PDB file of N, CA and C in Angstrom:
ATOM      1  N   MET A   1     -13.059  31.861 -44.792  1.00  0.00           N
ATOM      2  CA  MET A   1     -13.147  32.604 -43.339  1.00  0.00           C
ATOM      3  C   MET A   1     -13.463  33.869 -43.719  1.00  0.00           C
ATOM      4  N   ASN A   2     -14.471  34.485 -43.119  1.00  0.00           N
ATOM      5  CA  ASN A   2     -14.299  36.456 -43.762  1.00  0.00           C
ATOM      6  C   ASN A   2     -13.194  37.297 -43.133  1.00  0.00           C
ATOM      7  N   TRP A   3     -13.640  38.461 -43.041  1.00  0.00           N
ATOM      8  CA  TRP A   3     -12.425  39.245 -42.204  1.00  0.00           C
ATOM      9  C   TRP A   3     -12.250  39.495 -41.061  1.00  0.00           C
ATOM     10  N   ARG A   4     -13.387  39.292 -40.333  1.00  0.00           N
ATOM     11  CA  ARG A   4     -13.126  39.493 -38.555  1.00  0.00           C
ATOM     12  C   ARG A   4     -13.107  37.846 -38.264  1.00  0.00           C
ATOM     13  N   THR A   5     -12.855  37.623 -39.036  1.00  0.00           N
ATOM     14  CA  THR A   5     -12.468  35.591 -38.586  1.00  0.00           C
ATOM     15  C   THR A   5     -10.501  36.177 -37.909  1.00  0.00           C
ATOM     16  N   TRP A   6     -10.708  36.586 -39.724  1.00  0.00           N
ATOM     17  CA  TRP A   6      -8.726  36.755 -39.674  1.00  0.00           C
ATOM     18  C   TRP A   6      -8.410  37.765 -38.989  1.00  0.00           C
ATOM     19  N   LEU A   7      -9.203  39.173 -38.276  1.00  0.00           N
ATOM     20  CA  LEU A   7      -8.637  40.194 -37.638  1.00  0.00           C
ATOM     21  C   LEU A   7      -8.988  39.572 -36.337  1.00  0.00           C
ATOM     22  N   ALA A   8      -9.677  38.621 -36.109  1.00  0.00           N
ATOM     23  CA  ALA A   8     -10.228  38.218 -34.360  1.00  0.00           C
ATOM     24  C   ALA A   8      -8.419  37.409 -34.292  1.00  0.00           C
ATOM     25  N   LEU A   9      -8.575  36.653 -35.232  1.00  0.00           N
ATOM     26  CA  LEU A   9      -6.783  35.639 -35.332  1.00  0.00           C
ATOM     27  C   LEU A   9      -5.834  36.355 -35.057  1.00  0.00           C
ATOM     28  N   LEU A  10      -5.657  37.236 -35.944  1.00  0.00           N
ATOM     29  CA  LEU A  10      -4.597  38.045 -35.553  1.00  0.00           C
ATOM     30  C   LEU A  10      -4.720  38.584 -34.466  1.00  0.00           C
ATOM     31  N   ILE A  11      -5.762  39.142 -34.083  1.00  0.00           N
ATOM     32  CA  ILE A  11      -5.667  40.284 -32.155  1.00  0.00           C
ATOM     33  C   ILE A  11      -4.987  38.879 -30.938  1.00  0.00           C
ATOM     34  N   GLY A  12      -5.801  37.636 -31.454  1.00  0.00           N
ATOM     35  CA  GLY A  12      -5.533  36.672 -30.747  1.00  0.00           C
ATOM     36  C   GLY A  12      -4.004  36.602 -30.225  1.00  0.00           C
ATOM     37  N   VAL A  13      -3.904  36.497 -31.477  1.00  0.00           N
ATOM     38  CA  VAL A  13      -2.066  35.992 -31.704  1.00  0.00           C
ATOM     39  C   VAL A  13      -1.117  37.249 -30.909  1.00  0.00           C
ATOM     40  N   VAL A  14      -1.464  38.613 -31.028  1.00  0.00           N
ATOM     41  CA  VAL A  14      -1.143  39.319 -30.913  1.00  0.00           C
ATOM     42  C   VAL A  14      -0.791  39.192 -29.307  1.00  0.00           C
ATOM     43  N   LEU A  15      -1.966  39.166 -28.920  1.00  0.00           N
ATOM     44  CA  LEU A  15      -2.570  39.190 -27.356  1.00  0.00           C
ATOM     45  C   LEU A  15      -1.172  38.223 -26.919  1.00  0.00           C
ATOM     46  N   GLY A  16      -1.597  37.170 -27.535  1.00  0.00           N
ATOM     47  CA  GLY A  16      -0.904  36.106 -26.530  1.00  0.00           C
ATOM     48  C   GLY A  16       0.503  35.996 -26.750  1.00  0.00           C
ATOM     49  N   PHE A  17       1.168  36.885 -27.659  1.00  0.00           N
ATOM     50  CA  PHE A  17       1.867  36.875 -27.306  1.00  0.00           C
ATOM     51  C   PHE A  17       2.765  38.187 -26.662  1.00  0.00           C
ATOM     52  N   GLY A  18       2.201  38.677 -27.199  1.00  0.00           N
ATOM     53  CA  GLY A  18       2.369  40.223 -25.780  1.00  0.00           C
ATOM     54  C   GLY A  18       1.950  39.295 -24.305  1.00  0.00           C
ATOM     55  N   ALA A  19       1.326  38.477 -23.761  1.00  0.00           N
ATOM     56  CA  ALA A  19       1.266  38.022 -22.675  1.00  0.00           C
ATOM     57  C   ALA A  19       2.162  37.233 -21.823  1.00  0.00           C
ATOM     58  N   SER A  20       2.299  36.474 -23.128  1.00  0.00           N
ATOM     59  CA  SER A  20       3.807  35.557 -22.697  1.00  0.00           C
ATOM     60  C   SER A  20       4.952  35.553 -22.411  1.00  0.00           C
ATOM     61  N   VAL A  21       5.223  37.274 -23.457  1.00  0.00           N
ATOM     62  CA  VAL A  21       6.767  38.193 -23.145  1.00  0.00           C
ATOM     63  C   VAL A  21       6.175  38.175 -21.475  1.00  0.00           C
ATOM     64  N   SER A  22       5.276  39.603 -21.133  1.00  0.00           N
ATOM     65  CA  SER A  22       5.293  39.948 -20.537  1.00  0.00           C
ATOM     66  C   SER A  22       5.497  39.218 -18.799  1.00  0.00           C
ATOM     67  N   ILE A  23       4.735  37.450 -19.226  1.00  0.00           N
ATOM     68  CA  ILE A  23       4.609  36.761 -17.820  1.00  0.00           C
ATOM     69  C   ILE A  23       6.699  36.273 -17.997  1.00  0.00           C
ATOM     70  N   GLN A  24       7.168  36.182 -18.988  1.00  0.00           N
ATOM     71  CA  GLN A  24       7.940  35.972 -19.208  1.00  0.00           C
ATOM     72  C   GLN A  24       9.076  36.931 -18.077  1.00  0.00           C
ATOM     73  N   SER A  25       9.069  38.007 -18.976  1.00  0.00           N
ATOM     74  CA  SER A  25       9.729  38.997 -17.796  1.00  0.00           C
ATOM     75  C   SER A  25       9.529  39.658 -16.282  1.00  0.00           C
ATOM     76  N   LEU A  26       8.259  39.280 -15.602  1.00  0.00           N
ATOM     77  CA  LEU A  26       8.189  38.833 -14.681  1.00  0.00           C
ATOM     78  C   LEU A  26       9.496  37.426 -14.073  1.00  0.00           C
ATOM     79  N   LEU A  27       9.206  36.887 -14.723  1.00  0.00           N
ATOM     80  CA  LEU A  27       9.771  35.528 -13.709  1.00  0.00           C
ATOM     81  C   LEU A  27      11.106  35.866 -13.889  1.00  0.00           C
ATOM     82  N   ASP A  28      11.919  36.384 -15.018  1.00  0.00           N
ATOM     83  CA  ASP A  28      12.961  36.826 -15.038  1.00  0.00           C
ATOM     84  C   ASP A  28      13.658  37.564 -13.887  1.00  0.00           C
ATOM     85  N   ALA A  29      12.572  38.644 -13.593  1.00  0.00           N
ATOM     86  CA  ALA A  29      12.305  39.754 -12.850  1.00  0.00           C
ATOM     87  C   ALA A  29      12.877  38.749 -11.435  1.00  0.00           C
ATOM     88  N   GLY A  30      11.762  37.918 -10.951  1.00  0.00           N
ATOM     89  CA  GLY A  30      11.639  37.618  -9.607  1.00  0.00           C
ATOM     90  C   GLY A  30      13.078  36.416  -9.158  1.00  0.00           C
ATOM     91  N   ALA A  31      13.930  36.230 -10.649  1.00  0.00           N
ATOM     92  CA  ALA A  31      15.005  35.117 -10.181  1.00  0.00           C
ATOM     93  C   ALA A  31      16.074  35.908  -9.790  1.00  0.00           C
ATOM     94  N   ARG A  32      16.410  37.331 -10.724  1.00  0.00           N
ATOM     95  CA  ARG A  32      16.927  38.389 -10.643  1.00  0.00           C
ATOM     96  C   ARG A  32      17.319  38.843  -9.186  1.00  0.00           C
ATOM     97  N   SER A  33      15.580  38.697  -8.361  1.00  0.00           N
ATOM     98  CA  SER A  33      15.576  39.459  -7.366  1.00  0.00           C
ATOM     99  C   SER A  33      15.512  38.577  -6.533  1.00  0.00           C
ATOM    100  N   LYS A  34      15.876  37.125  -6.456  1.00  0.00           N
ATOM    101  CA  LYS A  34      15.858  35.474  -5.323  1.00  0.00           C
ATOM    102  C   LYS A  34      17.958  35.917  -5.539  1.00  0.00           C
ATOM    103  N   ALA A  35      18.642  35.938  -6.491  1.00  0.00           N
ATOM    104  CA  ALA A  35      20.207  36.062  -7.075  1.00  0.00           C
ATOM    105  C   ALA A  35      20.395  37.388  -5.741  1.00  0.00           C
ATOM    106  N   LYS A  36      20.034  38.189  -6.368  1.00  0.00           N
ATOM    107  CA  LYS A  36      20.306  39.384  -5.107  1.00  0.00           C
ATOM    108  C   LYS A  36      20.090  39.675  -4.204  1.00  0.00           C
ATOM    109  N   ARG A  37      19.097  39.228  -3.998  1.00  0.00           N
ATOM    110  CA  ARG A  37      19.518  38.820  -1.571  1.00  0.00           C
ATOM    111  C   ARG A  37      20.161  38.044  -1.626  1.00  0.00           C
ATOM    112  N   SER A  38      20.129  36.640  -2.067  1.00  0.00           N
ATOM    113  CA  SER A  38      21.013  35.970  -1.605  1.00  0.00           C
ATOM    114  C   SER A  38      23.141  36.734  -1.614  1.00  0.00           C
ATOM    115  N   VAL A  39      23.021  36.815  -2.441  1.00  0.00           N
ATOM    116  CA  VAL A  39      24.451  37.890  -2.247  1.00  0.00           C
ATOM    117  C   VAL A  39      24.586  38.861  -1.722  1.00  0.00           C
ATOM    118  N   ALA A  40      24.036  40.126  -1.200  1.00  0.00           N
ATOM    119  CA  ALA A  40      23.596  40.811  -0.256  1.00  0.00           C
ATOM    120  C   ALA A  40      23.791  39.910   0.908  1.00  0.00           C
ATOM    121  N   ASP A  41      22.741  39.030   1.971  1.00  0.00           N
ATOM    122  CA  ASP A  41      22.942  38.328   2.425  1.00  0.00           C
ATOM    123  C   ASP A  41      24.114  37.726   3.261  1.00  0.00           C
ATOM    124  N   ALA A  42      24.495  37.199   1.463  1.00  0.00           N
ATOM    125  CA  ALA A  42      26.165  36.765   2.081  1.00  0.00           C
ATOM    126  C   ALA A  42      27.453  38.246   2.526  1.00  0.00           C
ATOM    127  N   ILE A  43      26.858  38.887   1.920  1.00  0.00           N
ATOM    128  CA  ILE A  43      28.116  40.595   2.233  1.00  0.00           C
ATOM    129  C   ILE A  43      27.710  40.678   3.228  1.00  0.00           C
ATOM    130  N   SER A  44      26.793  40.497   3.813  1.00  0.00           N
ATOM    131  CA  SER A  44      26.734  41.092   4.963  1.00  0.00           C
ATOM    132  C   SER A  44      27.504  40.073   6.168  1.00  0.00           C
ATOM    133  N   ILE A  45      26.850  38.978   5.522  1.00  0.00           N
ATOM    134  CA  ILE A  45      27.890  37.517   6.904  1.00  0.00           C
ATOM    135  C   ILE A  45      29.308  38.039   6.701  1.00  0.00           C
ATOM    136  N   SER A  46      30.171  38.328   5.623  1.00  0.00           N
ATOM    137  CA  SER A  46      31.235  38.642   5.262  1.00  0.00           C
ATOM    138  C   SER A  46      31.434  39.574   5.922  1.00  0.00           C
ATOM    139  N   ARG A  47      31.101  41.122   5.816  1.00  0.00           N
ATOM    140  CA  ARG A  47      31.093  42.215   6.323  1.00  0.00           C
ATOM    141  C   ARG A  47      31.097  42.181   8.149  1.00  0.00           C
ATOM    142  N   ALA A  48      30.544  41.117   8.995  1.00  0.00           N
ATOM    143  CA  ALA A  48      30.511  41.464   9.931  1.00  0.00           C
ATOM    144  C   ALA A  48      31.156  40.269  10.178  1.00  0.00           C
ATOM    145  N   LEU A  49      32.275  39.577   9.590  1.00  0.00           N
ATOM    146  CA  LEU A  49      33.148  38.745   9.942  1.00  0.00           C
ATOM    147  C   LEU A  49      34.480  39.750   9.606  1.00  0.00           C
ATOM    148  N   GLU A  50      34.139  40.614   9.052  1.00  0.00           N
ATOM    149  CA  GLU A  50      35.720  41.232   8.729  1.00  0.00           C
ATOM    150  C   GLU A  50      35.131  42.949  10.468  1.00  0.00           C
ATOM    151  N   ALA A  51      33.814  42.952  10.780  1.00  0.00           N
ATOM    152  CA  ALA A  51      34.007  43.568  11.408  1.00  0.00           C
ATOM    153  C   ALA A  51      34.036  43.031  12.609  1.00  0.00           C
ATOM    154  N   PHE A  52      34.377  42.346  13.705  1.00  0.00           N
ATOM    155  CA  PHE A  52      34.711  41.207  14.077  1.00  0.00           C
ATOM    156  C   PHE A  52      36.018  40.954  14.551  1.00  0.00           C
ATOM    157  N   ARG A  53      36.317  40.853  13.413  1.00  0.00           N
ATOM    158  CA  ARG A  53      38.533  40.840  13.133  1.00  0.00           C
ATOM    159  C   ARG A  53      38.560  42.556  12.997  1.00  0.00           C
ATOM    160  N   ASP A  54      38.216  42.993  12.652  1.00  0.00           N
ATOM    161  CA  ASP A  54      38.892  44.304  12.928  1.00  0.00           C
ATOM    162  C   ASP A  54      38.520  45.061  14.496  1.00  0.00           C
ATOM    163  N   GLY A  55      37.869  44.140  15.372  1.00  0.00           N
ATOM    164  CA  GLY A  55      37.575  44.441  16.556  1.00  0.00           C
ATOM    165  C   GLY A  55      38.057  43.940  18.082  1.00  0.00           C
ATOM    166  N   ASN A  56      38.151  42.653  17.435  1.00  0.00           N
ATOM    167  CA  ASN A  56      39.189  41.407  18.113  1.00  0.00           C
ATOM    168  C   ASN A  56      40.683  41.072  17.559  1.00  0.00           C
ATOM    169  N   GLY A  57      41.164  41.142  16.984  1.00  0.00           N
ATOM    170  CA  GLY A  57      41.703  40.544  15.922  1.00  0.00           C
ATOM    171  C   GLY A  57      42.463  39.712  15.444  1.00  0.00           C
ATOM    172  N   ARG A  58      41.496  39.222  15.761  1.00  0.00           N
ATOM    173  CA  ARG A  58      41.147  37.554  15.027  1.00  0.00           C
ATOM    174  C   ARG A  58      39.450  37.155  14.924  1.00  0.00           C
ATOM    175  N   TYR A  59      39.761  36.432  13.729  1.00  0.00           N
ATOM    176  CA  TYR A  59      38.761  35.885  13.095  1.00  0.00           C
ATOM    177  C   TYR A  59      37.460  34.837  14.277  1.00  0.00           C
ATOM    178  N   PRO A  60      35.990  35.178  14.208  1.00  0.00           N
ATOM    179  CA  PRO A  60      35.380  34.353  15.694  1.00  0.00           C
ATOM    180  C   PRO A  60      36.373  32.832  14.592  1.00  0.00           C
ATOM    181  N   PRO A  61      35.865  31.960  15.668  1.00  0.00           N
ATOM    182  CA  PRO A  61      36.375  30.057  15.322  1.00  0.00           C
ATOM    183  C   PRO A  61      34.997  30.066  13.955  1.00  0.00           C
ATOM    184  N   LEU A  62      35.569  29.266  13.338  1.00  0.00           N
ATOM    185  CA  LEU A  62      34.892  29.149  12.100  1.00  0.00           C
ATOM    186  C   LEU A  62      35.004  27.651  12.170  1.00  0.00           C
ATOM    187  N   ASP A  63      33.734  27.332  11.446  1.00  0.00           N
ATOM    188  CA  ASP A  63      32.683  25.924  11.342  1.00  0.00           C
ATOM    189  C   ASP A  63      32.190  26.092   9.634  1.00  0.00           C
ATOM    190  N   HIS A  64      31.986  24.772   9.270  1.00  0.00           N
ATOM    191  CA  HIS A  64      31.327  25.599   7.721  1.00  0.00           C
ATOM    192  C   HIS A  64      29.937  25.845   8.100  1.00  0.00           C
ATOM    193  N   ASP A  65      29.443  25.674   9.645  1.00  0.00           N
ATOM    194  CA  ASP A  65      27.869  25.918  10.615  1.00  0.00           C
ATOM    195  C   ASP A  65      27.405  27.620  10.565  1.00  0.00           C
ATOM    196  N   LEU A  66      27.429  28.212   9.646  1.00  0.00           N
ATOM    197  CA  LEU A  66      26.217  29.318  10.114  1.00  0.00           C
ATOM    198  C   LEU A  66      26.426  29.498  11.671  1.00  0.00           C
ATOM    199  N   SER A  67      25.172  28.744  12.470  1.00  0.00           N
ATOM    200  CA  SER A  67      24.533  28.960  13.370  1.00  0.00           C
ATOM    201  C   SER A  67      25.703  29.286  14.641  1.00  0.00           C
ATOM    202  N   LYS A  68      26.400  28.702  14.505  1.00  0.00           N
ATOM    203  CA  LYS A  68      28.022  28.272  15.355  1.00  0.00           C
ATOM    204  C   LYS A  68      28.069  29.831  15.453  1.00  0.00           C
ATOM    205  N   LEU A  69      28.434  30.824  14.555  1.00  0.00           N
ATOM    206  CA  LEU A  69      28.954  32.064  14.514  1.00  0.00           C
ATOM    207  C   LEU A  69      27.908  33.436  15.214  1.00  0.00           C
ATOM    208  N   THR A  70      26.275  32.743  15.453  1.00  0.00           N
ATOM    209  CA  THR A  70      25.318  33.791  15.666  1.00  0.00           C
ATOM    210  C   THR A  70      26.282  34.522  17.427  1.00  0.00           C
ATOM    211  N   LYS A  71      26.443  33.623  18.212  1.00  0.00           N
ATOM    212  CA  LYS A  71      26.775  33.833  19.586  1.00  0.00           C
ATOM    213  C   LYS A  71      27.853  35.045  19.572  1.00  0.00           C
ATOM    214  N   TYR A  72      28.934  35.107  18.274  1.00  0.00           N
ATOM    215  CA  TYR A  72      29.705  36.117  17.888  1.00  0.00           C
ATOM    216  C   TYR A  72      29.561  37.627  17.138  1.00  0.00           C
ATOM    217  N   LEU A  73      28.577  37.317  16.707  1.00  0.00           N
ATOM    218  CA  LEU A  73      28.035  38.062  15.316  1.00  0.00           C
ATOM    219  C   LEU A  73      26.652  38.929  16.189  1.00  0.00           C
ATOM    220  N   VAL A  74      25.593  37.657  16.442  1.00  0.00           N
ATOM    221  CA  VAL A  74      24.791  38.775  16.702  1.00  0.00           C
ATOM    222  C   VAL A  74      24.360  39.837  18.084  1.00  0.00           C
ATOM    223  N   PRO A  75      24.098  40.591  18.660  1.00  0.00           N
ATOM    224  CA  PRO A  75      23.168  41.497  17.133  1.00  0.00           C
ATOM    225  C   PRO A  75      24.696  42.813  17.118  1.00  0.00           C
ATOM    226  N   LYS A  76      25.989  43.008  17.794  1.00  0.00           N
ATOM    227  CA  LYS A  76      26.875  43.208  17.534  1.00  0.00           C
ATOM    228  C   LYS A  76      27.068  43.949  16.502  1.00  0.00           C
ATOM    229  N   TYR A  77      27.308  43.004  15.255  1.00  0.00           N
ATOM    230  CA  TYR A  77      28.118  43.143  14.150  1.00  0.00           C
ATOM    231  C   TYR A  77      26.847  42.818  13.241  1.00  0.00           C
ATOM    232  N   ILE A  78      26.123  42.525  13.457  1.00  0.00           N
ATOM    233  CA  ILE A  78      25.269  41.631  11.939  1.00  0.00           C
ATOM    234  C   ILE A  78      23.990  41.785  12.745  1.00  0.00           C
ATOM    235  N   GLN A  79      22.184  42.384  12.573  1.00  0.00           N
ATOM    236  CA  GLN A  79      21.401  41.928  13.123  1.00  0.00           C
ATOM    237  C   GLN A  79      20.484  40.506  13.560  1.00  0.00           C
ATOM    238  N   THR A  80      20.504  40.030  12.438  1.00  0.00           N
ATOM    239  CA  THR A  80      20.254  38.557  12.495  1.00  0.00           C
ATOM    240  C   THR A  80      21.401  37.621  11.099  1.00  0.00           C
ATOM    241  N   LEU A  81      21.365  36.585  11.468  1.00  0.00           N
ATOM    242  CA  LEU A  81      22.811  36.071  10.812  1.00  0.00           C
ATOM    243  C   LEU A  81      21.858  35.306   9.338  1.00  0.00           C
ATOM    244  N   PRO A  82      21.639  35.552   8.742  1.00  0.00           N
ATOM    245  CA  PRO A  82      20.480  34.168   8.037  1.00  0.00           C
ATOM    246  C   PRO A  82      21.566  33.278   7.607  1.00  0.00           C
ATOM    247  N   ALA A  83      20.637  32.035   7.639  1.00  0.00           N
ATOM    248  CA  ALA A  83      21.171  31.207   7.235  1.00  0.00           C
ATOM    249  C   ALA A  83      21.263  29.707   6.009  1.00  0.00           C
ATOM    250  N   ARG A  84      20.267  30.390   5.742  1.00  0.00           N
ATOM    251  CA  ARG A  84      20.282  30.059   3.962  1.00  0.00           C
ATOM    252  C   ARG A  84      20.020  31.282   3.088  1.00  0.00           C
ATOM    253  N   ASP A  85      19.781  30.591   2.236  1.00  0.00           N
ATOM    254  CA  ASP A  85      19.906  31.932   0.469  1.00  0.00           C
ATOM    255  C   ASP A  85      18.690  31.091  -0.038  1.00  0.00           C
ATOM    256  N   ALA A  86      18.409  32.686  -1.015  1.00  0.00           N
ATOM    257  CA  ALA A  86      16.924  32.662  -1.109  1.00  0.00           C
ATOM    258  C   ALA A  86      16.665  31.193  -1.760  1.00  0.00           C
ATOM    259  N   TYR A  87      17.002  30.220  -2.338  1.00  0.00           N
ATOM    260  CA  TYR A  87      17.169  28.902  -2.958  1.00  0.00           C
ATOM    261  C   TYR A  87      17.339  28.109  -1.881  1.00  0.00           C
ATOM    262  N   ASP A  88      16.868  27.921  -0.321  1.00  0.00           N
ATOM    263  CA  ASP A  88      17.312  27.610   0.511  1.00  0.00           C
ATOM    264  C   ASP A  88      18.144  26.478   0.722  1.00  0.00           C
ATOM    265  N   GLN A  89      18.921  27.355   0.017  1.00  0.00           N
ATOM    266  CA  GLN A  89      20.753  26.425   0.278  1.00  0.00           C
ATOM    267  C   GLN A  89      21.426  27.003   1.104  1.00  0.00           C
ATOM    268  N   PRO A  90      22.245  26.581   2.239  1.00  0.00           N
ATOM    269  CA  PRO A  90      22.641  27.220   3.125  1.00  0.00           C
ATOM    270  C   PRO A  90      23.736  27.712   2.598  1.00  0.00           C
ATOM    271  N   TYR A  91      24.458  29.015   3.581  1.00  0.00           N
ATOM    272  CA  TYR A  91      25.912  28.856   3.183  1.00  0.00           C
ATOM    273  C   TYR A  91      26.431  28.451   4.461  1.00  0.00           C
ATOM    274  N   LEU A  92      28.005  28.481   3.329  1.00  0.00           N
ATOM    275  CA  LEU A  92      29.130  28.210   4.133  1.00  0.00           C
ATOM    276  C   LEU A  92      30.328  28.665   4.370  1.00  0.00           C
ATOM    277  N   VAL A  93      30.505  28.852   5.113  1.00  0.00           N
ATOM    278  CA  VAL A  93      32.071  29.291   6.002  1.00  0.00           C
ATOM    279  C   VAL A  93      33.067  28.452   5.588  1.00  0.00           C
ATOM    280  N   VAL A  94      33.725  29.210   4.360  1.00  0.00           N
ATOM    281  CA  VAL A  94      35.161  27.896   4.179  1.00  0.00           C
ATOM    282  C   VAL A  94      35.933  29.151   4.028  1.00  0.00           C
ATOM    283  N   MET A  95      37.061  28.254   4.983  1.00  0.00           N
ATOM    284  CA  MET A  95      38.798  29.454   5.194  1.00  0.00           C
ATOM    285  C   MET A  95      39.151  29.269   3.766  1.00  0.00           C
ATOM    286  N   ASP A  96      39.784  30.079   3.032  1.00  0.00           N
ATOM    287  CA  ASP A  96      40.271  30.296   1.701  1.00  0.00           C
ATOM    288  C   ASP A  96      41.531  31.173   2.205  1.00  0.00           C
ATOM    289  N   GLY A  97      42.309  30.582   2.803  1.00  0.00           N
ATOM    290  CA  GLY A  97      43.413  30.489   3.057  1.00  0.00           C
ATOM    291  C   GLY A  97      43.605  31.941   3.953  1.00  0.00           C
ATOM    292  N   SER A  98      43.627  32.797   4.360  1.00  0.00           N
ATOM    293  CA  SER A  98      43.874  33.711   6.022  1.00  0.00           C
ATOM    294  C   SER A  98      42.428  34.175   5.783  1.00  0.00           C
ATOM    295  N   VAL A  99      41.479  34.481   4.837  1.00  0.00           N
ATOM    296  CA  VAL A  99      40.122  34.865   5.357  1.00  0.00           C
ATOM    297  C   VAL A  99      39.305  34.022   4.694  1.00  0.00           C
ATOM    298  N   PRO A 100      38.355  34.184   5.205  1.00  0.00           N
ATOM    299  CA  PRO A 100      37.224  33.381   5.216  1.00  0.00           C
ATOM    300  C   PRO A 100      36.037  33.569   3.980  1.00  0.00           C
ATOM    301  N   ALA A 101      35.505  32.614   3.571  1.00  0.00           N
ATOM    302  CA  ALA A 101      34.861  32.877   2.599  1.00  0.00           C
ATOM    303  C   ALA A 101      33.231  32.466   2.984  1.00  0.00           C
ATOM    304  N   ILE A 102      32.071  33.291   2.074  1.00  0.00           N
ATOM    305  CA  ILE A 102      30.917  32.660   2.108  1.00  0.00           C
ATOM    306  C   ILE A 102      30.291  32.220   1.158  1.00  0.00           C
ATOM    307  N   VAL A 103      30.465  30.653   0.891  1.00  0.00           N
ATOM    308  CA  VAL A 103      29.998  29.873   0.032  1.00  0.00           C
ATOM    309  C   VAL A 103      28.421  29.524  -0.320  1.00  0.00           C
ATOM    310  N   SER A 104      27.853  30.743  -0.966  1.00  0.00           N
ATOM    311  CA  SER A 104      26.410  29.624  -1.770  1.00  0.00           C
ATOM    312  C   SER A 104      26.350  28.615  -2.882  1.00  0.00           C
ATOM    313  N   THR A 105      25.342  27.211  -2.686  1.00  0.00           N
ATOM    314  CA  THR A 105      25.941  26.786  -3.889  1.00  0.00           C
ATOM    315  C   THR A 105      24.115  26.732  -4.308  1.00  0.00           C
ATOM    316  N   GLY A 106      23.415  27.625  -3.973  1.00  0.00           N
ATOM    317  CA  GLY A 106      21.790  27.340  -4.968  1.00  0.00           C
ATOM    318  C   GLY A 106      22.188  28.576  -6.238  1.00  0.00           C
ATOM    319  N   ARG A 107      21.171  27.905  -7.015  1.00  0.00           N
ATOM    320  CA  ARG A 107      20.338  27.893  -8.052  1.00  0.00           C
ATOM    321  C   ARG A 107      22.032  28.427  -9.210  1.00  0.00           C
ATOM    322  N   ASN A 108      23.538  29.296  -9.163  1.00  0.00           N
ATOM    323  CA  ASN A 108      23.961  29.097  -9.693  1.00  0.00           C
ATOM    324  C   ASN A 108      25.500  29.161  -8.688  1.00  0.00           C
ATOM    325  N   GLY A 109      25.524  29.631  -7.619  1.00  0.00           N
ATOM    326  CA  GLY A 109      26.606  29.681  -6.822  1.00  0.00           C
ATOM    327  C   GLY A 109      27.061  30.748  -7.100  1.00  0.00           C
ATOM    328  N   PHE A 110      27.927  31.810  -5.844  1.00  0.00           N
ATOM    329  CA  PHE A 110      29.494  32.500  -5.587  1.00  0.00           C
ATOM    330  C   PHE A 110      29.837  32.091  -4.581  1.00  0.00           C
ATOM    331  N   ALA A 111      30.605  33.154  -4.436  1.00  0.00           N
ATOM    332  CA  ALA A 111      31.441  32.979  -2.903  1.00  0.00           C
ATOM    333  C   ALA A 111      32.523  34.531  -2.793  1.00  0.00           C
ATOM    334  N   ILE A 112      31.814  35.276  -1.760  1.00  0.00           N
ATOM    335  CA  ILE A 112      31.949  36.417  -1.084  1.00  0.00           C
ATOM    336  C   ILE A 112      32.940  36.145  -0.758  1.00  0.00           C
ATOM    337  N   GLU A 113      34.258  37.216  -0.448  1.00  0.00           N
ATOM    338  CA  GLU A 113      35.139  37.389   0.955  1.00  0.00           C
ATOM    339  C   GLU A 113      35.526  38.297   0.890  1.00  0.00           C
ATOM    340  N   ARG A 114      35.677  39.183   1.907  1.00  0.00           N
ATOM    341  CA  ARG A 114      35.843  40.576   2.706  1.00  0.00           C
ATOM    342  C   ARG A 114      34.967  41.985   2.044  1.00  0.00           C
ATOM    343  N   GLY A 115      33.456  40.795   2.061  1.00  0.00           N
ATOM    344  CA  GLY A 115      32.493  41.934   1.732  1.00  0.00           C
ATOM    345  C   GLY A 115      32.509  42.628  -0.142  1.00  0.00           C
ATOM    346  N   GLN A 116      33.053  41.187  -0.804  1.00  0.00           N
ATOM    347  CA  GLN A 116      32.858  40.938  -2.092  1.00  0.00           C
ATOM    348  C   GLN A 116      32.677  40.088  -3.420  1.00  0.00           C
ATOM    349  N   VAL A 117      32.140  39.635  -4.461  1.00  0.00           N
ATOM    350  CA  VAL A 117      31.855  38.471  -4.690  1.00  0.00           C
ATOM    351  C   VAL A 117      33.089  38.446  -5.863  1.00  0.00           C
ATOM    352  N   VAL A 118      34.697  37.069  -5.570  1.00  0.00           N
ATOM    353  CA  VAL A 118      35.091  36.737  -5.587  1.00  0.00           C
ATOM    354  C   VAL A 118      35.376  35.343  -6.212  1.00  0.00           C
ATOM    355  N   ALA A 119      33.546  34.593  -6.613  1.00  0.00           N
ATOM    356  CA  ALA A 119      33.680  33.521  -7.311  1.00  0.00           C
ATOM    357  C   ALA A 119      32.012  33.472  -8.073  1.00  0.00           C
ATOM    358  N   GLU A 120      31.487  33.970  -9.140  1.00  0.00           N
ATOM    359  CA  GLU A 120      30.319  33.461  -9.596  1.00  0.00           C
ATOM    360  C   GLU A 120      30.252  32.029 -10.647  1.00  0.00           C
ATOM    361  N   GLY A 121      29.098  31.424  -9.988  1.00  0.00           N
ATOM    362  CA  GLY A 121      28.552  30.408 -10.779  1.00  0.00           C
ATOM    363  C   GLY A 121      29.319  29.349 -10.230  1.00  0.00           C
ATOM    364  N   PRO A 122      28.795  27.524 -10.942  1.00  0.00           N
ATOM    365  CA  PRO A 122      28.659  27.043  -9.520  1.00  0.00           C
ATOM    366  C   PRO A 122      30.681  26.403  -8.909  1.00  0.00           C
ATOM    367  N   VAL A 123      30.273  27.246  -7.774  1.00  0.00           N
ATOM    368  CA  VAL A 123      31.269  27.298  -6.345  1.00  0.00           C
ATOM    369  C   VAL A 123      31.355  26.056  -5.816  1.00  0.00           C
ATOM    370  N   LEU A 124      31.024  24.990  -5.984  1.00  0.00           N
ATOM    371  CA  LEU A 124      31.202  23.964  -4.884  1.00  0.00           C
ATOM    372  C   LEU A 124      29.743  23.076  -5.240  1.00  0.00           C
ATOM    373  N   PRO A 125      29.973  21.443  -5.467  1.00  0.00           N
ATOM    374  CA  PRO A 125      28.823  20.788  -5.698  1.00  0.00           C
ATOM    375  C   PRO A 125      27.879  20.602  -4.884  1.00  0.00           C
ATOM    376  N   ARG A 126      27.054  20.212  -4.706  1.00  0.00           N
ATOM    377  CA  ARG A 126      25.325  20.669  -4.166  1.00  0.00           C
ATOM    378  C   ARG A 126      26.278  19.703  -2.985  1.00  0.00           C
ATOM    379  N   GLU A 127      25.887  18.986  -2.310  1.00  0.00           N
ATOM    380  CA  GLU A 127      25.474  18.295  -0.817  1.00  0.00           C
ATOM    381  C   GLU A 127      24.379  17.474  -1.400  1.00  0.00           C
TER     382      GLU A 127
END
């Protein structure tokens, strides 16, 4: 092989490596974006529940199904009530003592109480 072949091979390897690193970076950014959106939605739900409690002295009747909370929270405390996280898993409302927790089982999972992340990682088993 002459030097031009080696040069073309070297350039191909460098370009291929650079492309693979760039693609992996884009995929990681997409995953982080989904996780951030899921947490932000859960924090919004949690804050709406706290605002309801502040205004009424109690939490609305809680059920694991978020759709039943719509009539209590929308539109006064939250514009829309997201029922599913970015991974298409339902948000669950779990009463943890006297404070409701918003739980997501999507990807790594998390729990939110009073607008703060209180647990990360697999929180509940998938249904």
